[in-house]
Amino acid sequence: MKLKSVFAIIALVTICNTNSYAQQQVIDKVVAVVGSNIILQSDIEEQYLQYRMQGGVKGSASSIRCEILEDLLFRKLMLNQAELDSITVTDEQIDSEVERYVRYYVSQLGSIEKLEKYYDKNIAEIRDDLHEQLKEKQLMEEVQRSIVSGVSATPSDVREFYRSIPKDSIPMVSAQFEIAELVKKPPITLDEKLAVKNELYDIRARILKGERFSTMARIYSEDPGSANKGGELGFQGRGDYVPEFEAAAFALKDGEISEVIETEYGFHIIQLIERRGDYINVRHILRTLKVSPEALQQAYDELDHIASLIRNDSITFDEAVKTYSDEADKVNGGLLVNELDGSTMFAAEDLDQQVSVVINRLQVGEVSDPVPMKTSDGKDAYRLLIIKKKTTPHRANLKDDYALIQQWTMQKQRQDAINKWIQAKSSKAYVKICDEYKDCDFQFDWNIKQ
């Protein structure tokens, strides 16, 4: 927090009771104290806004604020412990998380300007607030890790946990699929690259002769997110763009137009609109590299031949992946990884729609025909798919779902350990809360002082 902000809080903050300040404009107040740490009304309001922005709709405004307050009480309690244990985190650890959050909020609201208006703060202040929140979050996580470091789930623990679940409350496990792929990425030829690059040189020459960059972007740019806005990307900081784009963009002067640059997305020209400190607003025109119909057909034919070899038992799918796949996942047999939990198993509802359609027509071990796909950089390609494993919907059981039940057991034991720690610490800590929050239905006994 900047020194100026500290003085503002000292001058304008009130502690719980604001009656004696009736003639002043109170911009913030302390609503709770945990040990030497304070919780401000603004802390609660900012998290309430974030909750709403992320789609939170359950519960009354007052009950949500009570939940936020108790979460902040947890944080302050753990921050006290972090101080006692001399736990620290570096700015480098936090900065990348700050950028991730800012990008998410901007994507939700549409621009940095709208984000600033939503919070009634400039982007630097928003980043400072996020930095402080995320620093606290990481310190708290370090304390939590120390609390649960000794927790383990033995086979007997897993069985005991499973048997403690009422039979009619045992969760259903939906159908699960383990799927592998064999990918062929048609090459982009040098002639195709030169053709696209020359298109952009022609467009750049027309702009330099007086045609408007924004008009040319609307006509020619292949970036669906910015073309209809004249190529404008809005204010972004360092680390928000891929390295080649960032280097060219930050080297520009106001109104200047870059040379043609290449990134993983294709070729660009960039114009700097405005610079604000470490943030820039630019326009760009993107021309993507497209796979030729001939190269795409060649990839299809090659995969069709490989599929025939697999069906005729001339080669196994795993061997074919190692020999022919162009995707990095060939090192683990082409298994798709579920981004939700990092496993190789997918519930039907978690599958990409195109994959789901193909998988629903296959039996376990049956290889698909070549299926069109988009690579991570948006280029056309083909792949073969195969179901390696499949389960049917059922109630969780120890034989088929031991790993899942073990995960549930660990989650419960970790939460129990954290709850036990919080209860022990909260009952001894100095806690003072404003009257307006004393009717909150807290989960823990916070030993609240009068």
Protein backbone atom coordinates (compact mmCIF):
# COMPACT_ATOMS: atom_id res chain seq x y z
CA MET A 1 0.00 0.00 0.00
CA LYS A 2 1.36 3.45 -0.87
CA LEU A 3 2.20 5.86 1.99
CA LYS A 4 -0.44 8.30 0.76
CA SER A 5 -3.07 5.58 1.09
CA VAL A 6 -1.96 4.79 4.64
CA PHE A 7 -2.41 8.44 5.68
CA ALA A 8 -5.87 8.46 4.07
CA ILE A 9 -6.92 5.46 6.11
CA ILE A 10 -5.56 6.92 9.34
CA ALA A 11 -7.45 10.14 8.70
CA LEU A 12 -10.75 8.78 7.47
CA VAL A 13 -11.21 5.26 8.79
CA THR A 14 -13.50 4.62 11.76
CA ILE A 15 -13.45 1.67 14.10
CA CYS A 16 -16.86 0.02 14.11
CA ASN A 17 -18.91 2.92 15.47
CA THR A 18 -19.39 5.74 12.97
CA ASN A 19 -21.88 7.85 14.97
CA SER A 20 -19.27 10.31 16.21
CA TYR A 21 -18.35 10.98 12.59
CA ALA A 22 -21.87 11.83 11.47
CA GLN A 23 -20.81 15.21 10.12
CA GLN A 24 -17.91 13.77 8.09
CA GLN A 25 -17.86 11.76 4.89
CA VAL A 26 -16.62 8.35 6.03
CA ILE A 27 -15.07 6.53 3.07
CA ASP A 28 -14.08 3.37 4.92
CA LYS A 29 -14.14 1.75 8.33
CA VAL A 30 -12.65 -1.13 10.25
CA VAL A 31 -15.27 -3.83 10.70
CA ALA A 32 -13.10 -6.43 12.45
CA VAL A 33 -9.77 -6.88 14.18
CA VAL A 34 -7.93 -10.20 14.45
CA GLY A 35 -4.84 -9.87 16.63
CA SER A 36 -2.91 -7.01 15.05
CA ASN A 37 -4.62 -7.31 11.66
CA ILE A 38 -7.65 -5.26 10.61
CA ILE A 39 -10.45 -5.95 8.13
CA LEU A 40 -11.96 -2.97 6.32
CA GLN A 41 -15.46 -2.60 4.97
CA SER A 42 -13.83 -1.99 1.58
CA ASP A 43 -12.14 -5.42 1.80
CA ILE A 44 -15.58 -7.02 2.06
CA GLU A 45 -17.12 -4.86 -0.66
CA GLU A 46 -14.35 -5.55 -3.17
CA GLN A 47 -14.66 -9.31 -2.70
CA TYR A 48 -18.43 -9.01 -2.93
CA LEU A 49 -18.03 -7.27 -6.31
CA GLN A 50 -15.64 -10.01 -7.49
CA TYR A 51 -18.11 -12.68 -6.36
CA ARG A 52 -20.89 -11.06 -8.39
CA MET A 53 -18.60 -10.58 -11.39
CA GLN A 54 -17.77 -14.30 -11.36
CA GLY A 55 -21.45 -15.18 -11.51
CA GLY A 56 -22.19 -15.69 -7.82
CA VAL A 57 -25.93 -15.40 -7.27
CA LYS A 58 -26.73 -17.64 -4.29
CA GLY A 59 -27.70 -16.14 -0.95
CA SER A 60 -28.77 -12.72 0.26
CA ALA A 61 -26.33 -9.82 0.11
CA SER A 62 -25.98 -9.83 3.90
CA SER A 63 -25.32 -13.59 4.14
CA ILE A 64 -22.73 -13.39 1.35
CA ARG A 65 -20.98 -10.52 3.14
CA CYS A 66 -20.98 -12.58 6.36
CA GLU A 67 -19.33 -15.48 4.51
CA ILE A 68 -16.77 -13.10 3.05
CA LEU A 69 -16.06 -11.65 6.50
CA GLU A 70 -15.47 -15.09 8.01
CA ASP A 71 -13.17 -15.96 5.11
CA LEU A 72 -11.26 -12.76 5.85
CA LEU A 73 -11.10 -13.72 9.53
CA PHE A 74 -9.50 -17.03 8.42
CA ARG A 75 -7.02 -15.10 6.32
CA LYS A 76 -5.99 -12.75 9.10
CA LEU A 77 -5.66 -15.65 11.53
CA MET A 78 -3.35 -17.45 9.10
CA LEU A 79 -1.44 -14.25 8.35
CA ASN A 80 -0.70 -13.98 12.06
CA GLN A 81 0.66 -17.52 11.92
CA ALA A 82 2.72 -16.74 8.79
CA GLU A 83 4.33 -13.85 10.68
CA LEU A 84 5.07 -16.10 13.66
CA ASP A 85 6.57 -18.75 11.35
CA SER A 86 8.50 -16.16 9.28
CA ILE A 87 6.88 -17.34 6.05
CA THR A 88 7.48 -15.06 3.04
CA VAL A 89 6.60 -14.98 -0.67
CA THR A 90 8.36 -13.01 -3.41
CA ASP A 91 6.84 -10.40 -5.71
CA GLU A 92 7.82 -12.57 -8.69
CA GLN A 93 5.60 -15.34 -7.36
CA ILE A 94 2.64 -12.97 -7.21
CA ASP A 95 3.01 -10.82 -10.34
CA SER A 96 2.09 -13.56 -12.83
CA GLU A 97 -1.08 -14.30 -10.84
CA VAL A 98 -2.01 -10.62 -10.83
CA GLU A 99 -1.76 -10.55 -14.62
CA ARG A 100 -3.89 -13.67 -14.92
CA TYR A 101 -6.65 -12.15 -12.80
CA VAL A 102 -6.55 -8.84 -14.70
CA ARG A 103 -6.83 -10.66 -18.04
CA TYR A 104 -9.80 -12.63 -16.72
CA TYR A 105 -11.64 -9.54 -15.49
CA VAL A 106 -10.92 -7.63 -18.70
CA SER A 107 -12.27 -10.57 -20.73
CA GLN A 108 -15.45 -10.49 -18.64
CA LEU A 109 -16.00 -6.73 -18.86
CA GLY A 110 -14.58 -6.04 -22.32
CA SER A 111 -11.75 -3.58 -21.68
CA ILE A 112 -9.44 -2.12 -19.06
CA GLU A 113 -11.46 1.09 -19.16
CA LYS A 114 -14.63 -0.79 -18.21
CA LEU A 115 -12.75 -2.59 -15.44
CA GLU A 116 -11.56 0.76 -14.07
CA LYS A 117 -15.11 2.12 -14.19
CA TYR A 118 -16.50 -1.02 -12.50
CA TYR A 119 -14.12 -0.67 -9.53
CA ASP A 120 -13.91 3.14 -9.69
CA LYS A 121 -10.11 2.83 -9.60
CA ASN A 122 -7.35 3.11 -12.18
CA ILE A 123 -5.63 -0.06 -13.38
CA ALA A 124 -2.52 0.57 -11.27
CA GLU A 125 -4.66 0.74 -8.10
CA ILE A 126 -6.55 -2.41 -9.12
CA ARG A 127 -3.26 -4.23 -9.65
CA ASP A 128 -1.95 -3.02 -6.28
CA ASP A 129 -5.10 -4.30 -4.56
CA LEU A 130 -4.87 -7.64 -6.36
CA HIS A 131 -1.18 -7.90 -5.47
CA GLU A 132 -1.97 -7.47 -1.78
CA GLN A 133 -4.89 -9.93 -1.92
CA LEU A 134 -2.84 -12.56 -3.76
CA LYS A 135 0.12 -12.09 -1.44
CA GLU A 136 -2.16 -12.81 1.50
CA LYS A 137 -3.64 -15.77 -0.40
CA GLN A 138 -0.22 -17.32 -1.02
CA LEU A 139 0.88 -16.79 2.58
CA MET A 140 -2.34 -18.41 3.74
CA GLU A 141 -1.78 -21.35 1.38
CA GLU A 142 1.72 -21.82 2.79
CA VAL A 143 0.27 -21.96 6.30
CA GLN A 144 -2.40 -24.42 5.13
CA ARG A 145 0.26 -26.62 3.55
CA SER A 146 2.11 -26.76 6.84
CA ILE A 147 -1.12 -27.67 8.66
CA VAL A 148 -1.95 -30.58 6.32
CA SER A 149 1.61 -31.70 5.58
CA GLY A 150 1.27 -34.75 7.79
CA VAL A 151 -2.17 -35.79 6.53
CA SER A 152 -2.36 -39.06 4.63
CA ALA A 153 -5.12 -41.47 3.67
CA THR A 154 -4.25 -45.08 4.37
CA PRO A 155 -6.31 -47.93 2.87
CA SER A 156 -8.05 -48.33 6.22
CA ASP A 157 -8.84 -44.60 6.26
CA VAL A 158 -10.35 -44.87 2.78
CA ARG A 159 -12.49 -47.86 3.75
CA GLU A 160 -13.62 -46.19 6.97
CA PHE A 161 -14.56 -42.98 5.11
CA TYR A 162 -16.46 -44.92 2.45
CA ARG A 163 -18.37 -46.95 5.04
CA SER A 164 -19.30 -43.74 6.89
CA ILE A 165 -21.30 -42.52 3.87
CA PRO A 166 -24.98 -43.54 4.10
CA LYS A 167 -25.71 -45.99 1.28
CA ASP A 168 -28.35 -43.76 -0.25
CA SER A 169 -25.89 -40.84 -0.19
CA ILE A 170 -22.99 -42.52 -1.97
CA PRO A 171 -22.28 -40.26 -4.98
CA MET A 172 -23.00 -41.43 -8.49
CA VAL A 173 -20.01 -41.61 -10.80
CA SER A 174 -20.94 -40.78 -14.39
CA ALA A 175 -19.61 -42.67 -17.39
CA GLN A 176 -15.88 -42.03 -17.74
CA PHE A 177 -13.71 -42.26 -20.85
CA GLU A 178 -9.97 -42.52 -21.38
CA ILE A 179 -9.23 -41.35 -24.91
CA ALA A 180 -6.08 -41.24 -27.02
CA GLU A 181 -5.34 -39.40 -30.25
CA LEU A 182 -2.96 -39.65 -33.20
CA VAL A 183 -2.51 -36.24 -34.84
CA LYS A 184 -1.26 -35.27 -38.29
CA LYS A 185 -0.48 -31.58 -38.75
CA PRO A 186 -0.22 -30.62 -42.43
CA PRO A 187 2.88 -28.47 -42.99
CA ILE A 188 2.73 -24.82 -43.98
CA THR A 189 4.98 -24.34 -47.01
CA LEU A 190 7.41 -21.47 -47.44
CA ASP A 191 5.45 -20.28 -50.49
CA GLU A 192 2.28 -20.03 -48.38
CA LYS A 193 4.11 -18.04 -45.70
CA LEU A 194 5.56 -15.64 -48.27
CA ALA A 195 2.15 -15.12 -49.88
CA VAL A 196 0.55 -14.11 -46.54
CA LYS A 197 3.51 -11.94 -45.58
CA ASN A 198 3.34 -10.11 -48.92
CA GLU A 199 -0.39 -9.47 -48.41
CA LEU A 200 0.45 -7.62 -45.20
CA TYR A 201 3.27 -5.66 -46.84
CA ASP A 202 0.73 -4.46 -49.44
CA ILE A 203 -1.76 -3.49 -46.71
CA ARG A 204 0.99 -1.68 -44.76
CA ALA A 205 2.01 0.26 -47.87
CA ARG A 206 -1.57 1.41 -48.40
CA ILE A 207 -1.80 2.62 -44.79
CA LEU A 208 1.48 4.51 -45.09
CA LYS A 209 0.05 6.22 -48.17
CA GLY A 210 -2.89 7.53 -46.17
CA GLU A 211 -5.56 4.84 -45.77
CA ARG A 212 -6.87 4.42 -42.21
CA PHE A 213 -5.40 1.55 -40.20
CA SER A 214 -8.72 0.91 -38.44
CA THR A 215 -10.60 0.66 -41.75
CA MET A 216 -8.06 -1.75 -43.18
CA ALA A 217 -8.28 -3.84 -39.98
CA ARG A 218 -12.06 -4.14 -40.31
CA ILE A 219 -11.67 -5.27 -43.93
CA TYR A 220 -8.61 -7.51 -43.79
CA SER A 221 -7.82 -8.60 -40.21
CA GLU A 222 -8.53 -12.24 -39.36
CA ASP A 223 -8.55 -11.67 -35.60
CA PRO A 224 -12.25 -12.21 -34.72
CA GLY A 225 -11.85 -10.49 -31.36
CA SER A 226 -10.58 -7.15 -32.65
CA ALA A 227 -11.35 -6.82 -36.38
CA ASN A 228 -14.78 -5.24 -35.84
CA LYS A 229 -13.16 -2.73 -33.43
CA GLY A 230 -10.69 -1.56 -36.04
CA GLY A 231 -8.04 -3.92 -34.71
CA GLU A 232 -7.91 -2.20 -31.30
CA LEU A 233 -6.80 -4.45 -28.43
CA GLY A 234 -7.20 -2.09 -25.46
CA PHE A 235 -4.62 -1.30 -22.77
CA GLN A 236 -2.40 -4.24 -21.90
CA GLY A 237 0.83 -4.62 -19.93
CA ARG A 238 4.00 -6.57 -20.42
CA GLY A 239 3.43 -10.30 -20.40
CA ASP A 240 -0.04 -10.00 -21.94
CA TYR A 241 1.14 -10.74 -25.48
CA VAL A 242 3.31 -13.44 -27.02
CA PRO A 243 6.99 -12.36 -26.97
CA GLU A 244 7.37 -11.43 -30.66
CA PHE A 245 4.23 -9.27 -30.62
CA GLU A 246 5.13 -7.64 -27.31
CA ALA A 247 8.67 -6.75 -28.40
CA ALA A 248 7.42 -5.05 -31.58
CA ALA A 249 4.47 -3.30 -29.89
CA PHE A 250 6.43 -1.82 -26.97
CA ALA A 251 9.14 -0.55 -29.34
CA LEU A 252 6.68 1.70 -31.22
CA LYS A 253 6.09 5.43 -30.79
CA ASP A 254 2.60 6.94 -30.81
CA GLY A 255 0.99 6.43 -34.22
CA GLU A 256 3.94 4.45 -35.55
CA ILE A 257 3.32 1.27 -37.57
CA SER A 258 5.49 -1.80 -37.14
CA GLU A 259 7.13 -3.91 -39.79
CA VAL A 260 5.42 -7.23 -40.57
CA ILE A 261 6.08 -9.60 -37.65
CA GLU A 262 5.44 -13.32 -37.29
CA THR A 263 3.95 -15.05 -34.24
CA GLU A 264 2.41 -18.47 -33.66
CA TYR A 265 -0.91 -16.98 -34.82
CA GLY A 266 0.33 -15.74 -38.20
CA PHE A 267 1.64 -12.39 -39.47
CA HIS A 268 0.77 -8.96 -38.00
CA ILE A 269 1.28 -5.27 -38.44
CA ILE A 270 0.80 -3.13 -35.33
CA GLN A 271 0.04 0.54 -34.69
CA LEU A 272 0.58 2.14 -31.29
CA ILE A 273 -2.44 4.23 -30.26
CA GLU A 274 -1.40 5.35 -26.76
CA ARG A 275 1.08 4.55 -24.00
CA ARG A 276 0.30 4.92 -20.29
CA GLY A 277 3.37 4.08 -18.26
CA ASP A 278 3.89 0.33 -18.63
CA TYR A 279 0.62 -0.16 -20.54
CA ILE A 280 -0.06 0.30 -24.22
CA ASN A 281 -3.11 0.33 -26.44
CA VAL A 282 -2.47 -0.90 -29.98
CA ARG A 283 -4.28 -1.84 -33.16
CA HIS A 284 -3.20 -4.78 -35.24
CA ILE A 285 -4.05 -6.53 -38.47
CA LEU A 286 -3.65 -10.31 -38.42
CA ARG A 287 -3.37 -12.58 -41.43
CA THR A 288 -3.35 -16.22 -40.48
CA LEU A 289 -1.44 -19.05 -42.11
CA LYS A 290 -3.79 -21.55 -43.70
CA VAL A 291 -3.15 -25.16 -44.55
CA SER A 292 -3.62 -25.81 -48.25
CA PRO A 293 -6.45 -28.15 -49.29
CA GLU A 294 -3.85 -30.43 -50.87
CA ALA A 295 -1.81 -30.71 -47.66
CA LEU A 296 -4.97 -31.30 -45.62
CA GLN A 297 -6.10 -34.06 -47.98
CA GLN A 298 -2.65 -35.65 -47.74
CA ALA A 299 -2.91 -35.71 -43.94
CA TYR A 300 -6.38 -37.29 -44.19
CA ASP A 301 -5.13 -39.99 -46.58
CA GLU A 302 -2.13 -40.77 -44.39
CA LEU A 303 -4.30 -41.17 -41.29
CA ASP A 304 -6.83 -43.26 -43.22
CA HIS A 305 -3.99 -45.62 -44.18
CA ILE A 306 -2.71 -45.76 -40.58
CA ALA A 307 -6.25 -46.55 -39.35
CA SER A 308 -6.42 -49.47 -41.81
CA LEU A 309 -3.10 -50.82 -40.53
CA ILE A 310 -4.40 -50.66 -36.94
CA ARG A 311 -7.68 -52.36 -37.82
CA ASN A 312 -5.77 -55.13 -39.64
CA ASP A 313 -3.52 -55.65 -36.60
CA SER A 314 -0.44 -54.68 -38.61
CA ILE A 315 0.42 -52.12 -35.93
CA THR A 316 -1.02 -51.22 -32.55
CA PHE A 317 -2.47 -47.78 -31.87
CA ASP A 318 0.27 -47.09 -29.31
CA GLU A 319 2.99 -48.01 -31.82
CA ALA A 320 1.35 -45.86 -34.48
CA VAL A 321 1.24 -42.86 -32.12
CA LYS A 322 4.96 -43.17 -31.36
CA THR A 323 5.82 -43.52 -35.06
CA TYR A 324 3.45 -41.13 -36.82
CA SER A 325 1.86 -38.56 -34.46
CA ASP A 326 2.87 -34.90 -34.80
CA GLU A 327 1.50 -33.93 -31.36
CA ALA A 328 3.59 -33.56 -28.21
CA ASP A 329 1.31 -35.97 -26.32
CA LYS A 330 2.84 -38.86 -28.33
CA VAL A 331 5.23 -39.35 -25.39
CA ASN A 332 2.35 -40.62 -23.23
CA GLY A 333 0.63 -42.64 -25.93
CA GLY A 334 -1.50 -39.75 -27.18
CA LEU A 335 -3.70 -39.75 -24.08
CA LEU A 336 -5.89 -36.66 -23.75
CA VAL A 337 -5.52 -34.88 -20.42
CA ASN A 338 -8.54 -33.50 -18.57
CA GLU A 339 -7.71 -29.89 -17.73
CA LEU A 340 -10.25 -29.90 -14.89
CA ASP A 341 -8.34 -32.37 -12.71
CA GLY A 342 -5.18 -33.32 -14.60
CA SER A 343 -6.30 -36.94 -15.04
CA THR A 344 -6.75 -38.89 -18.27
CA MET A 345 -10.39 -39.71 -17.53
CA PHE A 346 -13.27 -37.60 -18.85
CA ALA A 347 -16.93 -37.53 -17.89
CA ALA A 348 -19.15 -37.37 -20.97
CA GLU A 349 -20.13 -33.79 -20.18
CA ASP A 350 -16.46 -32.73 -20.01
CA LEU A 351 -15.68 -33.83 -23.55
CA ASP A 352 -15.33 -31.44 -26.45
CA GLN A 353 -18.55 -31.63 -28.50
CA GLN A 354 -16.79 -32.89 -31.63
CA VAL A 355 -14.90 -35.54 -29.65
CA SER A 356 -18.13 -36.55 -27.89
CA VAL A 357 -19.92 -37.15 -31.20
CA VAL A 358 -17.10 -39.40 -32.44
CA ILE A 359 -16.66 -41.28 -29.15
CA ASN A 360 -20.36 -42.09 -28.90
CA ARG A 361 -20.03 -44.14 -32.10
CA LEU A 362 -17.00 -46.16 -30.97
CA GLN A 363 -16.47 -49.24 -28.86
CA VAL A 364 -13.49 -49.60 -26.52
CA GLY A 365 -10.39 -50.30 -28.61
CA GLU A 366 -12.02 -49.24 -31.89
CA VAL A 367 -10.18 -46.58 -33.90
CA SER A 368 -12.09 -43.76 -35.56
CA ASP A 369 -11.89 -42.48 -39.11
CA PRO A 370 -9.79 -39.30 -39.52
CA VAL A 371 -11.49 -36.47 -37.61
CA PRO A 372 -10.94 -32.77 -38.44
CA MET A 373 -9.55 -30.65 -35.61
CA LYS A 374 -7.97 -27.32 -34.80
CA THR A 375 -4.48 -27.31 -33.31
CA SER A 376 -3.60 -25.14 -30.30
CA ASP A 377 -2.51 -22.34 -32.67
CA GLY A 378 -5.77 -22.53 -34.65
CA LYS A 379 -4.55 -24.44 -37.72
CA ASP A 380 -6.48 -27.22 -39.46
CA ALA A 381 -5.36 -30.79 -38.90
CA TYR A 382 -6.72 -34.34 -38.63
CA ARG A 383 -6.56 -36.98 -35.92
CA LEU A 384 -7.57 -40.52 -35.13
CA LEU A 385 -9.35 -41.16 -31.82
CA ILE A 386 -9.66 -44.33 -29.78
CA ILE A 387 -11.34 -45.19 -26.47
CA LYS A 388 -8.77 -46.84 -24.21
CA LYS A 389 -11.12 -47.31 -21.23
CA LYS A 390 -14.79 -46.73 -20.50
CA THR A 391 -16.87 -47.04 -17.35
CA THR A 392 -20.66 -47.03 -17.03
CA PRO A 393 -22.63 -44.77 -14.63
CA HIS A 394 -22.66 -46.29 -11.13
CA ARG A 395 -22.52 -45.51 -7.45
CA ALA A 396 -18.93 -45.09 -6.30
CA ASN A 397 -17.42 -48.30 -4.95
CA LEU A 398 -14.05 -49.29 -3.54
CA LYS A 399 -13.27 -51.76 -6.31
CA ASP A 400 -13.75 -49.50 -9.31
CA ASP A 401 -13.29 -46.03 -7.81
CA TYR A 402 -10.66 -46.46 -5.11
CA ALA A 403 -8.52 -43.54 -6.37
CA LEU A 404 -11.55 -41.22 -6.43
CA ILE A 405 -12.67 -42.25 -2.92
CA GLN A 406 -9.10 -41.86 -1.67
CA GLN A 407 -9.16 -38.32 -3.07
CA TRP A 408 -12.43 -37.62 -1.21
CA THR A 409 -10.90 -39.06 1.98
CA MET A 410 -7.84 -36.83 1.67
CA GLN A 411 -10.00 -33.77 1.05
CA LYS A 412 -12.04 -34.48 4.18
CA GLN A 413 -8.98 -35.17 6.34
CA ARG A 414 -7.26 -32.00 5.15
CA GLN A 415 -10.37 -29.94 5.80
CA ASP A 416 -10.76 -31.54 9.23
CA ALA A 417 -7.14 -30.66 10.06
CA ILE A 418 -7.62 -27.05 8.93
CA ASN A 419 -10.92 -26.74 10.82
CA LYS A 420 -9.32 -28.15 13.98
CA TRP A 421 -6.45 -25.67 13.66
CA ILE A 422 -8.81 -22.73 13.05
CA GLN A 423 -11.01 -23.67 16.00
CA ALA A 424 -8.02 -23.93 18.32
CA LYS A 425 -6.52 -20.63 17.16
CA SER A 426 -9.78 -18.67 16.83
CA SER A 427 -10.88 -19.50 20.37
CA LYS A 428 -7.67 -17.93 21.72
CA ALA A 429 -7.14 -15.05 19.31
CA TYR A 430 -8.19 -11.49 20.02
CA VAL A 431 -11.18 -10.85 17.73
CA LYS A 432 -13.40 -7.76 17.68
CA ILE A 433 -16.27 -7.34 15.19
CA CYS A 434 -18.65 -4.45 14.53
CA ASP A 435 -22.19 -4.78 15.85
CA GLU A 436 -23.67 -4.94 12.32
CA TYR A 437 -21.84 -8.26 11.75
CA LYS A 438 -22.37 -9.86 15.16
CA ASP A 439 -25.57 -11.56 14.01
CA CYS A 440 -23.69 -13.43 11.26
CA ASP A 441 -24.08 -17.21 11.44
CA PHE A 442 -20.36 -17.99 11.56
CA GLN A 443 -19.04 -21.53 11.22
CA PHE A 444 -16.52 -21.10 14.04
CA ASP A 445 -16.55 -19.68 17.55
CA TRP A 446 -14.45 -16.57 17.11
CA ASN A 447 -14.26 -15.62 20.80
CA ILE A 448 -15.58 -12.20 19.87
CA LYS A 449 -14.74 -9.43 22.34
CA GLN A 450 -17.42 -6.99 23.43
